Amino acid sequence: MVITHHLADGTLHVRILHELHVTDRAAAALQIESLVHAHRPAQVTVELPSRSPSPMTFSALARARRMCQSLGIPLTATGPGEEVPLPLFGQEAGAARPRSLEHGARHDH
């Protein structure tokens, strides 16, 4: 088993049980995507196995985040046993958000 989950008050809570590897990264991302499509939660919270996720864990999280973003569902990530969300994808550095173009392409260069 790669993840566990439960639903509470419209939030899908997902817990990644261990640092992911190449062999189970896609399975974790696919399981999260299936849960989101099946339950259509108002938001998703992912509890990571550590505060410094492995590249494969981060990859699965990034894939889930892109999917949630495309559906308009907010996704937050927390460290193990924490309630406070971790900053995702450069937000802690105050990175500017990419601007959307009329055809959905990004203009960030």
C-alpha atoms as a PDB file:
ATOM      1  CA  MET A   1       0.000   0.000   0.000  1.00  0.00           C
ATOM      2  CA  VAL A   2       1.390   3.389  -1.001  1.00  0.00           C
ATOM      3  CA  ILE A   3      -1.204   5.809   0.393  1.00  0.00           C
ATOM      4  CA  THR A   4      -4.111   5.948   2.820  1.00  0.00           C
ATOM      5  CA  HIS A   5      -6.989   8.386   2.695  1.00  0.00           C
ATOM      6  CA  HIS A   6     -10.158   9.574   4.371  1.00  0.00           C
ATOM      7  CA  LEU A   7     -12.816  12.188   3.661  1.00  0.00           C
ATOM      8  CA  ALA A   8     -13.910  14.773   6.221  1.00  0.00           C
ATOM      9  CA  ASP A   9     -15.999  17.908   5.719  1.00  0.00           C
ATOM     10  CA  GLY A  10     -15.462  17.954   1.957  1.00  0.00           C
ATOM     11  CA  THR A  11     -11.690  17.534   2.233  1.00  0.00           C
ATOM     12  CA  LEU A  12      -9.841  14.531   0.877  1.00  0.00           C
ATOM     13  CA  HIS A  13      -6.975  13.768   3.262  1.00  0.00           C
ATOM     14  CA  VAL A  14      -4.249  11.652   1.660  1.00  0.00           C
ATOM     15  CA  ARG A  15      -1.241  10.287   3.518  1.00  0.00           C
ATOM     16  CA  ILE A  16       1.786   9.035   1.602  1.00  0.00           C
ATOM     17  CA  LEU A  17       3.037   6.209   3.804  1.00  0.00           C
ATOM     18  CA  HIS A  18       6.719   6.194   2.831  1.00  0.00           C
ATOM     19  CA  GLU A  19       9.137   7.957   0.534  1.00  0.00           C
ATOM     20  CA  LEU A  20       8.313   6.946  -2.998  1.00  0.00           C
ATOM     21  CA  HIS A  21      10.656   5.294  -5.459  1.00  0.00           C
ATOM     22  CA  VAL A  22      10.616   4.953  -9.236  1.00  0.00           C
ATOM     23  CA  THR A  23       8.599   1.735  -8.911  1.00  0.00           C
ATOM     24  CA  ASP A  24       5.691   3.222  -6.909  1.00  0.00           C
ATOM     25  CA  ARG A  25       5.654   6.914  -7.842  1.00  0.00           C
ATOM     26  CA  ALA A  26       3.155   6.517 -10.683  1.00  0.00           C
ATOM     27  CA  ALA A  27       0.943   4.257  -8.575  1.00  0.00           C
ATOM     28  CA  ALA A  28       0.691   6.887  -5.815  1.00  0.00           C
ATOM     29  CA  ALA A  29      -0.132   9.680  -8.267  1.00  0.00           C
ATOM     30  CA  LEU A  30      -2.710   7.526 -10.027  1.00  0.00           C
ATOM     31  CA  GLN A  31      -4.357   6.550  -6.734  1.00  0.00           C
ATOM     32  CA  ILE A  32      -4.649  10.211  -5.710  1.00  0.00           C
ATOM     33  CA  GLU A  33      -6.085  11.135  -9.119  1.00  0.00           C
ATOM     34  CA  SER A  34      -8.628   8.303  -8.925  1.00  0.00           C
ATOM     35  CA  LEU A  35      -9.744   9.408  -5.456  1.00  0.00           C
ATOM     36  CA  VAL A  36     -10.163  13.016  -6.568  1.00  0.00           C
ATOM     37  CA  HIS A  37     -12.219  12.014  -9.604  1.00  0.00           C
ATOM     38  CA  ALA A  38     -14.346   9.587  -7.578  1.00  0.00           C
ATOM     39  CA  HIS A  39     -15.102  11.897  -4.624  1.00  0.00           C
ATOM     40  CA  ARG A  40     -14.841  15.415  -6.138  1.00  0.00           C
ATOM     41  CA  PRO A  41     -13.669  16.998  -2.864  1.00  0.00           C
ATOM     42  CA  ALA A  42     -13.671  20.753  -2.205  1.00  0.00           C
ATOM     43  CA  GLN A  43      -9.969  20.511  -1.354  1.00  0.00           C
ATOM     44  CA  VAL A  44      -7.168  17.971  -1.022  1.00  0.00           C
ATOM     45  CA  THR A  45      -4.562  17.710   1.733  1.00  0.00           C
ATOM     46  CA  VAL A  46      -1.519  15.483   1.228  1.00  0.00           C
ATOM     47  CA  GLU A  47       0.544  14.444   4.238  1.00  0.00           C
ATOM     48  CA  LEU A  48       4.099  13.740   3.156  1.00  0.00           C
ATOM     49  CA  PRO A  49       6.256  11.101   4.870  1.00  0.00           C
ATOM     50  CA  SER A  50       8.925  13.723   5.700  1.00  0.00           C
ATOM     51  CA  ARG A  51       9.466  17.479   5.595  1.00  0.00           C
ATOM     52  CA  SER A  52      12.042  16.950   2.824  1.00  0.00           C
ATOM     53  CA  PRO A  53      10.386  14.673   0.274  1.00  0.00           C
ATOM     54  CA  SER A  54      12.423  12.498  -2.051  1.00  0.00           C
ATOM     55  CA  PRO A  55      12.447  13.489  -5.723  1.00  0.00           C
ATOM     56  CA  MET A  56      10.007  10.666  -6.539  1.00  0.00           C
ATOM     57  CA  THR A  57       7.627  11.704  -3.737  1.00  0.00           C
ATOM     58  CA  PHE A  58       7.845  15.296  -4.920  1.00  0.00           C
ATOM     59  CA  SER A  59       7.151  14.164  -8.494  1.00  0.00           C
ATOM     60  CA  ALA A  60       3.952  12.366  -7.458  1.00  0.00           C
ATOM     61  CA  LEU A  61       2.901  15.419  -5.449  1.00  0.00           C
ATOM     62  CA  ALA A  62       3.561  17.702  -8.433  1.00  0.00           C
ATOM     63  CA  ARG A  63       1.463  15.482 -10.699  1.00  0.00           C
ATOM     64  CA  ALA A  64      -1.413  15.475  -8.200  1.00  0.00           C
ATOM     65  CA  ARG A  65      -1.130  19.248  -7.805  1.00  0.00           C
ATOM     66  CA  ARG A  66      -1.315  19.835 -11.572  1.00  0.00           C
ATOM     67  CA  MET A  67      -4.376  17.618 -11.823  1.00  0.00           C
ATOM     68  CA  CYS A  68      -6.103  19.346  -8.889  1.00  0.00           C
ATOM     69  CA  GLN A  69      -5.226  22.752 -10.298  1.00  0.00           C
ATOM     70  CA  SER A  70      -6.788  21.823 -13.646  1.00  0.00           C
ATOM     71  CA  LEU A  71     -10.003  20.899 -11.799  1.00  0.00           C
ATOM     72  CA  GLY A  72      -9.972  24.039  -9.641  1.00  0.00           C
ATOM     73  CA  ILE A  73      -9.427  22.050  -6.441  1.00  0.00           C
ATOM     74  CA  PRO A  74      -6.923  23.497  -3.952  1.00  0.00           C
ATOM     75  CA  LEU A  75      -4.184  21.113  -2.819  1.00  0.00           C
ATOM     76  CA  THR A  76      -2.035  21.628   0.255  1.00  0.00           C
ATOM     77  CA  ALA A  77       0.825  19.512   1.562  1.00  0.00           C
ATOM     78  CA  THR A  78       1.889  18.973   5.157  1.00  0.00           C
ATOM     79  CA  GLY A  79       4.788  17.262   6.843  1.00  0.00           C
ATOM     80  CA  PRO A  80       4.217  14.142   8.910  1.00  0.00           C
ATOM     81  CA  GLY A  81       1.614  14.756  11.617  1.00  0.00           C
ATOM     82  CA  GLU A  82       1.402  18.494  10.917  1.00  0.00           C
ATOM     83  CA  GLU A  83      -1.576  20.744  10.343  1.00  0.00           C
ATOM     84  CA  VAL A  84       0.334  23.690   8.858  1.00  0.00           C
ATOM     85  CA  PRO A  85       0.728  23.453   5.072  1.00  0.00           C
ATOM     86  CA  LEU A  86       4.216  23.368   3.607  1.00  0.00           C
ATOM     87  CA  PRO A  87       5.036  25.986   0.974  1.00  0.00           C
ATOM     88  CA  LEU A  88       4.836  24.401  -2.474  1.00  0.00           C
ATOM     89  CA  PHE A  89       6.894  24.962  -5.586  1.00  0.00           C
ATOM     90  CA  GLY A  90       8.832  28.136  -4.826  1.00  0.00           C
ATOM     91  CA  GLN A  91       6.085  29.974  -2.957  1.00  0.00           C
ATOM     92  CA  GLU A  92       8.334  30.374   0.071  1.00  0.00           C
ATOM     93  CA  ALA A  93      10.698  32.459  -2.022  1.00  0.00           C
ATOM     94  CA  GLY A  94       7.890  34.691  -3.219  1.00  0.00           C
ATOM     95  CA  ALA A  95       8.211  33.416  -6.758  1.00  0.00           C
ATOM     96  CA  ALA A  96       5.991  35.167  -9.249  1.00  0.00           C
ATOM     97  CA  ARG A  97       3.167  33.056 -10.618  1.00  0.00           C
ATOM     98  CA  PRO A  98       3.290  32.295 -14.345  1.00  0.00           C
ATOM     99  CA  ARG A  99       0.829  34.325 -16.377  1.00  0.00           C
ATOM    100  CA  SER A 100      -1.722  32.398 -18.416  1.00  0.00           C
ATOM    101  CA  LEU A 101      -2.028  33.109 -22.102  1.00  0.00           C
ATOM    102  CA  GLU A 102      -5.307  32.922 -23.987  1.00  0.00           C
ATOM    103  CA  HIS A 103      -4.596  29.363 -25.213  1.00  0.00           C
ATOM    104  CA  GLY A 104      -3.471  27.985 -21.865  1.00  0.00           C
ATOM    105  CA  ALA A 105       0.258  28.230 -22.527  1.00  0.00           C
ATOM    106  CA  ARG A 106       2.491  29.756 -19.906  1.00  0.00           C
ATOM    107  CA  HIS A 107       4.514  32.874 -20.479  1.00  0.00           C
ATOM    108  CA  ASP A 108       7.152  32.805 -17.767  1.00  0.00           C
ATOM    109  CA  HIS A 109      10.417  33.464 -19.574  1.00  0.00           C
END
